[in-house]
Structures are given as structure tokens and as C-alpha cells.
Amino acid sequence: MKYLAGIDLGGTKCAAVIAKQNGESLSFLCRKEVKTAGKWTEVLDILIGFIKTEAAKYAITVSACGISAGGPLDGKRGVILNPPNLMSFENAPVVEYVSAELKCPAALQNDADACALAEWKFGAGRGAENIIFLTFGTGLGAGLILNGKLYTGAKNLAGEVGHIRLEKDGPIGYRKAGSFEGFCSGGGIKQLIKLRLNENFDAKELCFRAEKGDKNAIAVFEEIGDKFGAGLAVLVDILNPEVIVAGSIFTRAYDFIYPSAVRALEREALPNSLDGLQLVAAQLGEKIGDYAAAAIAAAI
């Protein structure tokens, strides 16, 4: 049994947790959330202070701290580079800072990689050796577990699947029209709604309408599912995973996206690559950010 700290850095809010790990189970002792405002050191000081106070209250020693953040970042050096949603953290050496303050090892991963670790160790990917996790939220990014290890690539850029072009034209994602992220992200779906329905609302409202039986909303989700499956087919043929886990919008709109995604996968991917493949919704739900940060610490 050991105690792990986690820090999840987001564009609008950040959180700190302390978790108890007992074998393959994880339970959270405490959590604090703050707005992402001020200098990066000011934000971290609040979260680090909380971890110190709670560790003293529980009379425990934190053995490691994981830090999850949006990229781009340099996980090897432990530095957040120039993320568009974390501007005050530009070139911030967060691992060195946190490690010195908490007097324990710390590590940094981008949020998609961290979520992949979390779903692999504690969620829908447990027991598999080859997993693709897709964020499917504000943007579309992937975390890759290959042959039982997190794969990050030469420059920590592996998994930027949202940049793949699926069509010559279409909603813009990752600065590219017709991209995977353009069709399969919150921002892209809002554009697709405007293109197909000539209305101005978001994926949450689209899901609400589909659940009420709106045929136009269901048709948009079927198109999203078709593009999602086509994009997945590229990844399946290249990486041959056992499990694909998708979060956020896929989880909420599973009933409307899954059927057309599977049809597209069967149409586009090699049959042998599909043998035994599971496409599942993320299990960790709204707590995935907490699990992700703790999972980084568990891997140190």
C-alpha cells in the first residue's frame, strides 16, 4: 500500500488529489479544485499546500506525485512548453518545482497519455496489453499503450490523431478542414451542426435532441460515428490494439455513435485486425482526471 498525489492542470480549473493505492485498486482520500488563474507558481502553491496539509492531517507520506496537463510538453524534462489553454504555464518546469516542494519524485504526462494510463490500470482497459484511448472532448487526442507500455514517441508527440485528414473538406479541427478532430470533437461537432442543420448549438444539445428522438440530430450522430469508425480503422490497421477506449462525448452519446462507428470499422479495417477488438466507453467518468494524475504517480 502507498499514497500517491496527483495534480491535474486544465485550462479553466486545476485539481489536486491524494489517493491510496492497494495493489490494483485506488481510493481517493481528498480533493481540492481551483480556477486556473494567476502565475503558474501561484496555482501550484495552492495545490501543493493542500497536499501537504492533507498528508499531515492523515499522518501519511506521499511517495510520488503525478502531473497531468494539456500539451505540448516535454515529459522527459518535466517542462510544460506552450499549451494554448495553459498560457501562464509556458516553459514551466513543473516537475522540478513540485518534486522539491513535496520532497518526492514527480512526473509529467499530457492529459491523453495520462487518461490512457488511468483506463489501462483502473478502468476499461484492465488486463489488455495494447490500448488506444481517445479523449473525444473539446479536442481529439490519443494515448497509446503498446505491448504493455505507454508509448509517447521521440518528441512526446505520439497520439496526435486529431490531425489525420478524413475528408478533403468539412469541419475544422487541429487547424485542418475535414480532420479527425473536425468530425469528432466538441468544437468540430458544433461546426458540423451548423453545416448540416444550419443551427447554432453544441454537442450536449445534440445529444439531448437525439435522446428525444429528433431524426436530424440522430442523423448527425450517425455521420459522426461513421467518421469516427473510419478514423479508428486507420489506427487499428497500424497499431492492432485489443481495446479502444473513448471518453467524453462518445461516452455520453454512445447509443448514437457506436453502431455507425462499428459499421465503418468493419467496412474500412482489415478483418483480422478486428478479430477480438473491443470498442468501449471510458469507465472512469468525471473522475478520469483524478485517476489520470494518480496513475502517472503510480507509474513512477
C-alpha atoms as a PDB file:
ATOM      1  CA  MET A   1       0.000   0.000   0.000  1.00  0.00           C
ATOM      2  CA  LYS A   2       1.231   3.501  -0.818  1.00  0.00           C
ATOM      3  CA  TYR A   3      -0.084   7.037  -1.006  1.00  0.00           C
ATOM      4  CA  LEU A   4       0.057   8.997  -4.244  1.00  0.00           C
ATOM      5  CA  ALA A   5      -0.514  12.663  -5.023  1.00  0.00           C
ATOM      6  CA  GLY A   6      -1.937  13.875  -8.294  1.00  0.00           C
ATOM      7  CA  ILE A   7      -2.202  17.308  -9.913  1.00  0.00           C
ATOM      8  CA  ASP A   8      -4.475  17.814 -12.928  1.00  0.00           C
ATOM      9  CA  LEU A   9      -3.850  21.087 -14.780  1.00  0.00           C
ATOM     10  CA  GLY A  10      -6.699  22.246 -17.020  1.00  0.00           C
ATOM     11  CA  GLY A  11      -7.447  25.383 -18.969  1.00  0.00           C
ATOM     12  CA  THR A  12     -10.252  26.580 -16.683  1.00  0.00           C
ATOM     13  CA  LYS A  13      -9.646  24.604 -13.487  1.00  0.00           C
ATOM     14  CA  CYS A  14      -6.940  22.605 -11.755  1.00  0.00           C
ATOM     15  CA  ALA A  15      -7.211  19.950  -9.066  1.00  0.00           C
ATOM     16  CA  ALA A  16      -5.067  18.129  -6.536  1.00  0.00           C
ATOM     17  CA  VAL A  17      -5.792  14.722  -5.014  1.00  0.00           C
ATOM     18  CA  ILE A  18      -4.288  12.218  -2.635  1.00  0.00           C
ATOM     19  CA  ALA A  19      -5.039   8.577  -3.352  1.00  0.00           C
ATOM     20  CA  LYS A  20      -4.312   5.310  -1.599  1.00  0.00           C
ATOM     21  CA  GLN A  21      -3.099   2.526  -3.873  1.00  0.00           C
ATOM     22  CA  ASN A  22      -3.534  -1.030  -2.684  1.00  0.00           C
ATOM     23  CA  GLY A  23      -2.483  -3.422  -5.431  1.00  0.00           C
ATOM     24  CA  GLU A  24      -4.608  -2.639  -8.471  1.00  0.00           C
ATOM     25  CA  SER A  25      -7.209  -0.643  -6.560  1.00  0.00           C
ATOM     26  CA  LEU A  26      -7.195   3.099  -5.990  1.00  0.00           C
ATOM     27  CA  SER A  27      -9.238   5.111  -3.497  1.00  0.00           C
ATOM     28  CA  PHE A  28      -9.201   8.868  -3.049  1.00  0.00           C
ATOM     29  CA  LEU A  29      -8.751  10.441   0.360  1.00  0.00           C
ATOM     30  CA  CYS A  30      -9.223  14.088  -0.558  1.00  0.00           C
ATOM     31  CA  ARG A  31      -9.515  16.554  -3.426  1.00  0.00           C
ATOM     32  CA  LYS A  32      -9.236  20.293  -3.992  1.00  0.00           C
ATOM     33  CA  GLU A  33     -10.201  22.235  -7.128  1.00  0.00           C
ATOM     34  CA  VAL A  34      -9.170  25.783  -8.019  1.00  0.00           C
ATOM     35  CA  LYS A  35      -9.588  28.087 -11.000  1.00  0.00           C
ATOM     36  CA  THR A  36      -6.645  28.328 -13.378  1.00  0.00           C
ATOM     37  CA  ALA A  37      -5.767  31.924 -12.615  1.00  0.00           C
ATOM     38  CA  GLY A  38      -2.524  33.734 -11.860  1.00  0.00           C
ATOM     39  CA  LYS A  39       1.086  32.711 -12.349  1.00  0.00           C
ATOM     40  CA  TRP A  40       1.864  29.014 -12.642  1.00  0.00           C
ATOM     41  CA  THR A  41       3.746  29.079  -9.342  1.00  0.00           C
ATOM     42  CA  GLU A  42       0.737  30.626  -7.595  1.00  0.00           C
ATOM     43  CA  VAL A  43      -1.587  27.903  -8.880  1.00  0.00           C
ATOM     44  CA  LEU A  44       0.826  25.136  -7.923  1.00  0.00           C
ATOM     45  CA  ASP A  45       1.487  26.642  -4.482  1.00  0.00           C
ATOM     46  CA  ILE A  46      -2.220  26.370  -3.623  1.00  0.00           C
ATOM     47  CA  LEU A  47      -2.401  22.741  -4.784  1.00  0.00           C
ATOM     48  CA  ILE A  48       0.894  21.746  -3.173  1.00  0.00           C
ATOM     49  CA  GLY A  49      -0.163  23.423   0.065  1.00  0.00           C
ATOM     50  CA  PHE A  50      -3.356  21.381   0.055  1.00  0.00           C
ATOM     51  CA  ILE A  51      -1.437  18.126  -0.474  1.00  0.00           C
ATOM     52  CA  LYS A  52       0.954  18.963   2.386  1.00  0.00           C
ATOM     53  CA  THR A  53      -1.875  19.909   4.762  1.00  0.00           C
ATOM     54  CA  GLU A  54      -3.935  16.806   3.996  1.00  0.00           C
ATOM     55  CA  ALA A  55      -0.924  14.482   4.197  1.00  0.00           C
ATOM     56  CA  ALA A  56      -0.173  15.885   7.660  1.00  0.00           C
ATOM     57  CA  LYS A  57      -3.826  15.535   8.688  1.00  0.00           C
ATOM     58  CA  TYR A  58      -3.888  11.870   7.664  1.00  0.00           C
ATOM     59  CA  ALA A  59      -0.361  11.311   9.047  1.00  0.00           C
ATOM     60  CA  ILE A  60       0.818   9.808   5.758  1.00  0.00           C
ATOM     61  CA  THR A  61       3.823  10.190   3.472  1.00  0.00           C
ATOM     62  CA  VAL A  62       3.221  10.811  -0.214  1.00  0.00           C
ATOM     63  CA  SER A  63       5.548   8.557  -2.212  1.00  0.00           C
ATOM     64  CA  ALA A  64       5.151  10.191  -5.650  1.00  0.00           C
ATOM     65  CA  CYS A  65       3.218  12.912  -7.468  1.00  0.00           C
ATOM     66  CA  GLY A  66       1.817  12.724 -10.990  1.00  0.00           C
ATOM     67  CA  ILE A  67       1.078  15.844 -13.032  1.00  0.00           C
ATOM     68  CA  SER A  68      -1.353  15.767 -15.963  1.00  0.00           C
ATOM     69  CA  ALA A  69      -1.583  18.728 -18.351  1.00  0.00           C
ATOM     70  CA  GLY A  70      -2.528  19.643 -21.880  1.00  0.00           C
ATOM     71  CA  GLY A  71       0.334  19.695 -24.355  1.00  0.00           C
ATOM     72  CA  PRO A  72       2.646  20.478 -25.886  1.00  0.00           C
ATOM     73  CA  LEU A  73       5.015  19.497 -23.109  1.00  0.00           C
ATOM     74  CA  ASP A  74       8.331  17.749 -22.579  1.00  0.00           C
ATOM     75  CA  GLY A  75       7.697  14.803 -20.300  1.00  0.00           C
ATOM     76  CA  LYS A  76      11.357  13.793 -20.176  1.00  0.00           C
ATOM     77  CA  ARG A  77      12.456  17.189 -18.845  1.00  0.00           C
ATOM     78  CA  GLY A  78       9.244  17.729 -16.892  1.00  0.00           C
ATOM     79  CA  VAL A  79       8.505  21.068 -18.548  1.00  0.00           C
ATOM     80  CA  ILE A  80       5.182  22.380 -19.868  1.00  0.00           C
ATOM     81  CA  LEU A  81       6.034  24.171 -23.129  1.00  0.00           C
ATOM     82  CA  ASN A  82       3.444  26.449 -24.755  1.00  0.00           C
ATOM     83  CA  PRO A  83      -0.060  24.993 -24.360  1.00  0.00           C
ATOM     84  CA  PRO A  84      -2.816  27.249 -25.764  1.00  0.00           C
ATOM     85  CA  ASN A  85      -5.097  26.543 -22.785  1.00  0.00           C
ATOM     86  CA  LEU A  86      -2.421  26.973 -20.087  1.00  0.00           C
ATOM     87  CA  MET A  87      -0.702  30.175 -21.150  1.00  0.00           C
ATOM     88  CA  SER A  88       0.542  31.079 -17.672  1.00  0.00           C
ATOM     89  CA  PHE A  89       2.401  27.736 -17.597  1.00  0.00           C
ATOM     90  CA  GLU A  90       4.556  28.491 -20.649  1.00  0.00           C
ATOM     91  CA  ASN A  91       8.022  26.911 -20.223  1.00  0.00           C
ATOM     92  CA  ALA A  92       7.158  25.982 -16.634  1.00  0.00           C
ATOM     93  CA  PRO A  93       9.482  23.370 -15.018  1.00  0.00           C
ATOM     94  CA  VAL A  94       6.625  21.864 -13.036  1.00  0.00           C
ATOM     95  CA  VAL A  95       8.246  18.513 -12.173  1.00  0.00           C
ATOM     96  CA  GLU A  96      11.296  20.128 -10.590  1.00  0.00           C
ATOM     97  CA  TYR A  97       9.098  22.581  -8.679  1.00  0.00           C
ATOM     98  CA  VAL A  98       6.593  20.020  -7.373  1.00  0.00           C
ATOM     99  CA  SER A  99       9.250  17.457  -6.504  1.00  0.00           C
ATOM    100  CA  ALA A 100      11.239  19.990  -4.492  1.00  0.00           C
ATOM    101  CA  GLU A 101       8.174  21.181  -2.594  1.00  0.00           C
ATOM    102  CA  LEU A 102       6.719  17.731  -1.825  1.00  0.00           C
ATOM    103  CA  LYS A 103      10.126  16.069  -1.384  1.00  0.00           C
ATOM    104  CA  CYS A 104       9.154  13.092  -3.531  1.00  0.00           C
ATOM    105  CA  PRO A 105       9.579  12.013  -7.153  1.00  0.00           C
ATOM    106  CA  ALA A 106       7.223  13.641  -9.657  1.00  0.00           C
ATOM    107  CA  ALA A 107       6.449  13.066 -13.339  1.00  0.00           C
ATOM    108  CA  LEU A 108       4.562  14.905 -16.084  1.00  0.00           C
ATOM    109  CA  GLN A 109       2.413  13.491 -18.896  1.00  0.00           C
ATOM    110  CA  ASN A 110      -0.011  15.053 -21.351  1.00  0.00           C
ATOM    111  CA  ASP A 111      -3.653  14.525 -20.458  1.00  0.00           C
ATOM    112  CA  ALA A 112      -4.435  11.979 -23.196  1.00  0.00           C
ATOM    113  CA  ASP A 113      -1.466   9.788 -22.199  1.00  0.00           C
ATOM    114  CA  ALA A 114      -2.404  10.120 -18.538  1.00  0.00           C
ATOM    115  CA  CYS A 115      -6.008   9.099 -19.241  1.00  0.00           C
ATOM    116  CA  ALA A 116      -4.730   6.103 -21.207  1.00  0.00           C
ATOM    117  CA  LEU A 117      -2.699   5.037 -18.176  1.00  0.00           C
ATOM    118  CA  ALA A 118      -5.732   5.516 -15.932  1.00  0.00           C
ATOM    119  CA  GLU A 119      -8.140   3.477 -18.072  1.00  0.00           C
ATOM    120  CA  TRP A 120      -5.463   0.800 -18.539  1.00  0.00           C
ATOM    121  CA  LYS A 121      -4.675   0.414 -14.846  1.00  0.00           C
ATOM    122  CA  PHE A 122      -8.034   1.192 -13.241  1.00  0.00           C
ATOM    123  CA  GLY A 123     -10.737   1.301 -15.922  1.00  0.00           C
ATOM    124  CA  ALA A 124     -11.984  -0.212 -19.166  1.00  0.00           C
ATOM    125  CA  GLY A 125      -8.559  -1.355 -20.404  1.00  0.00           C
ATOM    126  CA  ARG A 126      -7.575  -3.507 -17.450  1.00  0.00           C
ATOM    127  CA  GLY A 127      -5.854  -6.729 -18.435  1.00  0.00           C
ATOM    128  CA  ALA A 128      -5.034  -5.674 -22.015  1.00  0.00           C
ATOM    129  CA  GLU A 129      -1.554  -5.092 -23.428  1.00  0.00           C
ATOM    130  CA  ASN A 130      -2.453  -2.844 -26.374  1.00  0.00           C
ATOM    131  CA  ILE A 131      -4.901   0.005 -25.848  1.00  0.00           C
ATOM    132  CA  ILE A 132      -5.833   3.205 -27.625  1.00  0.00           C
ATOM    133  CA  PHE A 133      -7.539   5.866 -25.505  1.00  0.00           C
ATOM    134  CA  LEU A 134      -9.272   8.762 -27.271  1.00  0.00           C
ATOM    135  CA  THR A 135     -10.286  11.936 -25.484  1.00  0.00           C
ATOM    136  CA  PHE A 136     -13.230  12.855 -27.813  1.00  0.00           C
ATOM    137  CA  GLY A 137     -13.932  16.034 -25.846  1.00  0.00           C
ATOM    138  CA  THR A 138     -13.008  19.638 -26.581  1.00  0.00           C
ATOM    139  CA  GLY A 139     -10.430  18.163 -28.968  1.00  0.00           C
ATOM    140  CA  LEU A 140      -9.430  14.696 -30.112  1.00  0.00           C
ATOM    141  CA  GLY A 141      -6.170  13.185 -28.914  1.00  0.00           C
ATOM    142  CA  ALA A 142      -4.994   9.662 -28.213  1.00  0.00           C
ATOM    143  CA  GLY A 143      -2.977   7.940 -25.542  1.00  0.00           C
ATOM    144  CA  LEU A 144      -1.265   4.732 -26.629  1.00  0.00           C
ATOM    145  CA  ILE A 145      -0.454   1.679 -24.533  1.00  0.00           C
ATOM    146  CA  LEU A 146       1.593  -0.623 -26.765  1.00  0.00           C
ATOM    147  CA  ASN A 147       2.956  -4.001 -25.644  1.00  0.00           C
ATOM    148  CA  GLY A 148       2.209  -3.127 -22.035  1.00  0.00           C
ATOM    149  CA  LYS A 149       3.939   0.278 -22.039  1.00  0.00           C
ATOM    150  CA  LEU A 150       2.910   3.890 -22.582  1.00  0.00           C
ATOM    151  CA  TYR A 151       4.200   4.995 -25.980  1.00  0.00           C
ATOM    152  CA  THR A 152       4.964   8.722 -26.289  1.00  0.00           C
ATOM    153  CA  GLY A 153       7.236   8.918 -29.337  1.00  0.00           C
ATOM    154  CA  ALA A 154      10.560  10.636 -29.991  1.00  0.00           C
ATOM    155  CA  LYS A 155       9.309  14.121 -29.061  1.00  0.00           C
ATOM    156  CA  ASN A 156       6.369  13.265 -26.825  1.00  0.00           C
ATOM    157  CA  LEU A 157       4.021  13.859 -29.765  1.00  0.00           C
ATOM    158  CA  ALA A 158       2.686  10.338 -30.373  1.00  0.00           C
ATOM    159  CA  GLY A 159      -1.085  10.131 -30.393  1.00  0.00           C
ATOM    160  CA  GLU A 160      -1.932  13.417 -32.129  1.00  0.00           C
ATOM    161  CA  VAL A 161      -4.525  11.561 -34.185  1.00  0.00           C
ATOM    162  CA  GLY A 162      -6.850  14.547 -34.478  1.00  0.00           C
ATOM    163  CA  HIS A 163      -4.602  15.867 -37.252  1.00  0.00           C
ATOM    164  CA  ILE A 164      -5.417  12.944 -39.588  1.00  0.00           C
ATOM    165  CA  ARG A 165      -7.406  14.128 -42.601  1.00  0.00           C
ATOM    166  CA  LEU A 166     -10.583  12.119 -43.202  1.00  0.00           C
ATOM    167  CA  GLU A 167     -12.144  14.248 -45.951  1.00  0.00           C
ATOM    168  CA  LYS A 168     -10.983  16.947 -48.359  1.00  0.00           C
ATOM    169  CA  ASP A 169     -13.325  19.391 -46.671  1.00  0.00           C
ATOM    170  CA  GLY A 170     -15.509  19.582 -43.589  1.00  0.00           C
ATOM    171  CA  PRO A 171     -15.463  20.998 -40.061  1.00  0.00           C
ATOM    172  CA  ILE A 172     -12.091  22.334 -38.949  1.00  0.00           C
ATOM    173  CA  GLY A 173     -10.142  20.655 -36.166  1.00  0.00           C
ATOM    174  CA  TYR A 174      -6.451  20.808 -35.393  1.00  0.00           C
ATOM    175  CA  ARG A 175      -6.202  23.688 -37.927  1.00  0.00           C
ATOM    176  CA  LYS A 176      -7.250  21.309 -40.743  1.00  0.00           C
ATOM    177  CA  ALA A 177     -10.614  21.113 -42.529  1.00  0.00           C
ATOM    178  CA  GLY A 178     -12.046  17.601 -42.707  1.00  0.00           C
ATOM    179  CA  SER A 179      -9.756  16.301 -39.983  1.00  0.00           C
ATOM    180  CA  PHE A 180     -10.472  13.528 -37.479  1.00  0.00           C
ATOM    181  CA  GLU A 181     -10.768  16.177 -34.759  1.00  0.00           C
ATOM    182  CA  GLY A 182     -13.022  18.249 -37.015  1.00  0.00           C
ATOM    183  CA  PHE A 183     -15.619  15.486 -37.089  1.00  0.00           C
ATOM    184  CA  CYS A 184     -15.019  14.016 -33.615  1.00  0.00           C
ATOM    185  CA  SER A 185     -14.643  16.777 -31.034  1.00  0.00           C
ATOM    186  CA  GLY A 186     -16.851  19.281 -29.275  1.00  0.00           C
ATOM    187  CA  GLY A 187     -15.657  22.188 -31.397  1.00  0.00           C
ATOM    188  CA  GLY A 188     -15.908  20.211 -34.609  1.00  0.00           C
ATOM    189  CA  ILE A 189     -19.372  18.882 -33.851  1.00  0.00           C
ATOM    190  CA  LYS A 190     -20.642  22.417 -33.282  1.00  0.00           C
ATOM    191  CA  GLN A 191     -19.395  23.287 -36.788  1.00  0.00           C
ATOM    192  CA  LEU A 192     -20.986  20.147 -38.224  1.00  0.00           C
ATOM    193  CA  ILE A 193     -24.336  21.078 -36.652  1.00  0.00           C
ATOM    194  CA  LYS A 194     -24.121  24.449 -38.395  1.00  0.00           C
ATOM    195  CA  LEU A 195     -23.220  22.805 -41.713  1.00  0.00           C
ATOM    196  CA  ARG A 196     -25.902  20.097 -41.601  1.00  0.00           C
ATOM    197  CA  LEU A 197     -28.758  21.690 -39.645  1.00  0.00           C
ATOM    198  CA  ASN A 198     -27.992  25.405 -40.044  1.00  0.00           C
ATOM    199  CA  GLU A 199     -28.404  25.846 -36.297  1.00  0.00           C
ATOM    200  CA  ASN A 200     -26.074  27.118 -33.605  1.00  0.00           C
ATOM    201  CA  PHE A 201     -25.866  24.726 -30.644  1.00  0.00           C
ATOM    202  CA  ASP A 202     -23.384  22.258 -29.175  1.00  0.00           C
ATOM    203  CA  ALA A 203     -22.839  18.508 -28.772  1.00  0.00           C
ATOM    204  CA  LYS A 204     -24.641  18.458 -25.429  1.00  0.00           C
ATOM    205  CA  GLU A 205     -27.792  19.866 -27.014  1.00  0.00           C
ATOM    206  CA  LEU A 206     -27.400  17.487 -29.965  1.00  0.00           C
ATOM    207  CA  CYS A 207     -27.360  14.565 -27.531  1.00  0.00           C
ATOM    208  CA  PHE A 208     -30.427  15.919 -25.736  1.00  0.00           C
ATOM    209  CA  ARG A 209     -32.316  16.183 -29.024  1.00  0.00           C
ATOM    210  CA  ALA A 210     -31.254  12.710 -30.147  1.00  0.00           C
ATOM    211  CA  GLU A 211     -32.466  11.243 -26.856  1.00  0.00           C
ATOM    212  CA  LYS A 212     -35.841  12.884 -27.547  1.00  0.00           C
ATOM    213  CA  GLY A 213     -35.981  11.108 -30.899  1.00  0.00           C
ATOM    214  CA  ASP A 214     -35.036  14.031 -33.168  1.00  0.00           C
ATOM    215  CA  LYS A 215     -34.220  12.340 -36.503  1.00  0.00           C
ATOM    216  CA  ASN A 216     -31.999  15.189 -37.687  1.00  0.00           C
ATOM    217  CA  ALA A 217     -29.891  15.020 -34.528  1.00  0.00           C
ATOM    218  CA  ILE A 218     -29.626  11.233 -34.817  1.00  0.00           C
ATOM    219  CA  ALA A 219     -28.518  11.596 -38.456  1.00  0.00           C
ATOM    220  CA  VAL A 220     -25.710  13.971 -37.429  1.00  0.00           C
ATOM    221  CA  PHE A 221     -24.536  11.489 -34.803  1.00  0.00           C
ATOM    222  CA  GLU A 222     -24.610   8.715 -37.409  1.00  0.00           C
ATOM    223  CA  GLU A 223     -22.287  10.802 -39.590  1.00  0.00           C
ATOM    224  CA  ILE A 224     -20.024  11.469 -36.602  1.00  0.00           C
ATOM    225  CA  GLY A 225     -19.962   7.749 -35.850  1.00  0.00           C
ATOM    226  CA  ASP A 226     -19.121   6.913 -39.460  1.00  0.00           C
ATOM    227  CA  LYS A 227     -16.172   9.317 -39.442  1.00  0.00           C
ATOM    228  CA  PHE A 228     -15.095   8.087 -36.006  1.00  0.00           C
ATOM    229  CA  GLY A 229     -15.046   4.487 -37.233  1.00  0.00           C
ATOM    230  CA  ALA A 230     -13.146   5.451 -40.388  1.00  0.00           C
ATOM    231  CA  GLY A 231     -10.508   7.229 -38.307  1.00  0.00           C
ATOM    232  CA  LEU A 232     -10.280   4.308 -35.912  1.00  0.00           C
ATOM    233  CA  ALA A 233      -9.758   1.935 -38.842  1.00  0.00           C
ATOM    234  CA  VAL A 234      -6.515   3.734 -39.690  1.00  0.00           C
ATOM    235  CA  LEU A 235      -5.299   3.324 -36.111  1.00  0.00           C
ATOM    236  CA  VAL A 236      -6.454  -0.301 -35.928  1.00  0.00           C
ATOM    237  CA  ASP A 237      -4.618  -1.295 -39.101  1.00  0.00           C
ATOM    238  CA  ILE A 238      -1.405   0.400 -37.933  1.00  0.00           C
ATOM    239  CA  LEU A 239      -1.393  -0.438 -34.220  1.00  0.00           C
ATOM    240  CA  ASN A 240      -3.547  -3.598 -33.912  1.00  0.00           C
ATOM    241  CA  PRO A 241      -4.979  -2.840 -30.443  1.00  0.00           C
ATOM    242  CA  GLU A 242      -7.060  -5.163 -28.284  1.00  0.00           C
ATOM    243  CA  VAL A 243      -9.186  -2.376 -26.808  1.00  0.00           C
ATOM    244  CA  ILE A 244     -10.159   1.123 -27.917  1.00  0.00           C
ATOM    245  CA  VAL A 245     -11.489   3.290 -25.091  1.00  0.00           C
ATOM    246  CA  ALA A 246     -13.168   6.618 -25.858  1.00  0.00           C
ATOM    247  CA  GLY A 247     -14.326   9.193 -23.362  1.00  0.00           C
ATOM    248  CA  SER A 248     -16.409  12.333 -23.013  1.00  0.00           C
ATOM    249  CA  ILE A 249     -18.814  12.797 -25.967  1.00  0.00           C
ATOM    250  CA  PHE A 250     -18.528   9.145 -27.022  1.00  0.00           C
ATOM    251  CA  THR A 251     -19.491   8.066 -23.505  1.00  0.00           C
ATOM    252  CA  ARG A 252     -22.493  10.418 -23.349  1.00  0.00           C
ATOM    253  CA  ALA A 253     -23.726   9.685 -26.889  1.00  0.00           C
ATOM    254  CA  TYR A 254     -22.660   6.029 -27.030  1.00  0.00           C
ATOM    255  CA  ASP A 255     -26.019   4.704 -28.285  1.00  0.00           C
ATOM    256  CA  PHE A 256     -25.984   7.111 -31.249  1.00  0.00           C
ATOM    257  CA  ILE A 257     -22.296   6.921 -32.227  1.00  0.00           C
ATOM    258  CA  TYR A 258     -21.353   3.290 -31.578  1.00  0.00           C
ATOM    259  CA  PRO A 259     -23.472   1.498 -34.253  1.00  0.00           C
ATOM    260  CA  SER A 260     -22.262   3.584 -37.207  1.00  0.00           C
ATOM    261  CA  ALA A 261     -18.692   3.560 -35.859  1.00  0.00           C
ATOM    262  CA  VAL A 262     -18.692  -0.243 -35.844  1.00  0.00           C
ATOM    263  CA  ARG A 263     -20.109  -0.366 -39.375  1.00  0.00           C
ATOM    264  CA  ALA A 264     -17.351   1.963 -40.584  1.00  0.00           C
ATOM    265  CA  LEU A 265     -14.703  -0.083 -38.802  1.00  0.00           C
ATOM    266  CA  GLU A 266     -15.964  -3.259 -40.450  1.00  0.00           C
ATOM    267  CA  ARG A 267     -16.004  -1.509 -43.815  1.00  0.00           C
ATOM    268  CA  GLU A 268     -12.559   0.088 -43.596  1.00  0.00           C
ATOM    269  CA  ALA A 269     -10.291  -2.019 -41.365  1.00  0.00           C
ATOM    270  CA  LEU A 270      -8.590  -5.335 -42.064  1.00  0.00           C
ATOM    271  CA  PRO A 271     -10.835  -8.164 -40.834  1.00  0.00           C
ATOM    272  CA  ASN A 272      -8.001  -9.882 -38.957  1.00  0.00           C
ATOM    273  CA  SER A 273      -7.254  -6.652 -37.080  1.00  0.00           C
ATOM    274  CA  LEU A 274     -10.879  -6.505 -35.927  1.00  0.00           C
ATOM    275  CA  ASP A 275     -10.887 -10.051 -34.568  1.00  0.00           C
ATOM    276  CA  GLY A 276     -11.464  -9.713 -30.826  1.00  0.00           C
ATOM    277  CA  LEU A 277     -11.232  -5.907 -30.866  1.00  0.00           C
ATOM    278  CA  GLN A 278     -13.361  -4.100 -28.279  1.00  0.00           C
ATOM    279  CA  LEU A 279     -14.617  -0.524 -28.708  1.00  0.00           C
ATOM    280  CA  VAL A 280     -15.809   0.645 -25.302  1.00  0.00           C
ATOM    281  CA  ALA A 281     -16.753   3.781 -23.393  1.00  0.00           C
ATOM    282  CA  ALA A 282     -14.417   5.054 -20.708  1.00  0.00           C
ATOM    283  CA  GLN A 283     -15.295   3.718 -17.262  1.00  0.00           C
ATOM    284  CA  LEU A 284     -13.802   6.370 -15.015  1.00  0.00           C
ATOM    285  CA  GLY A 285     -16.296   9.079 -15.959  1.00  0.00           C
ATOM    286  CA  GLU A 286     -15.978  12.523 -14.431  1.00  0.00           C
ATOM    287  CA  LYS A 287     -13.163  11.346 -12.158  1.00  0.00           C
ATOM    288  CA  ILE A 288     -10.845  10.403 -15.006  1.00  0.00           C
ATOM    289  CA  GLY A 289      -8.685  13.500 -14.461  1.00  0.00           C
ATOM    290  CA  ASP A 290      -8.089  12.488 -10.849  1.00  0.00           C
ATOM    291  CA  TYR A 291      -7.325   8.912 -11.825  1.00  0.00           C
ATOM    292  CA  ALA A 292      -5.057  10.116 -14.633  1.00  0.00           C
ATOM    293  CA  ALA A 293      -2.853  12.211 -12.350  1.00  0.00           C
ATOM    294  CA  ALA A 294      -2.664   9.421  -9.766  1.00  0.00           C
ATOM    295  CA  ALA A 295      -1.869   6.861 -12.490  1.00  0.00           C
ATOM    296  CA  ILE A 296       1.179   8.900 -13.509  1.00  0.00           C
ATOM    297  CA  ALA A 297       2.381   8.784  -9.918  1.00  0.00           C
ATOM    298  CA  ALA A 298       1.728   5.023  -9.746  1.00  0.00           C
ATOM    299  CA  ALA A 299       3.945   4.513 -12.804  1.00  0.00           C
ATOM    300  CA  ILE A 300       6.982   6.298 -11.303  1.00  0.00           C
END
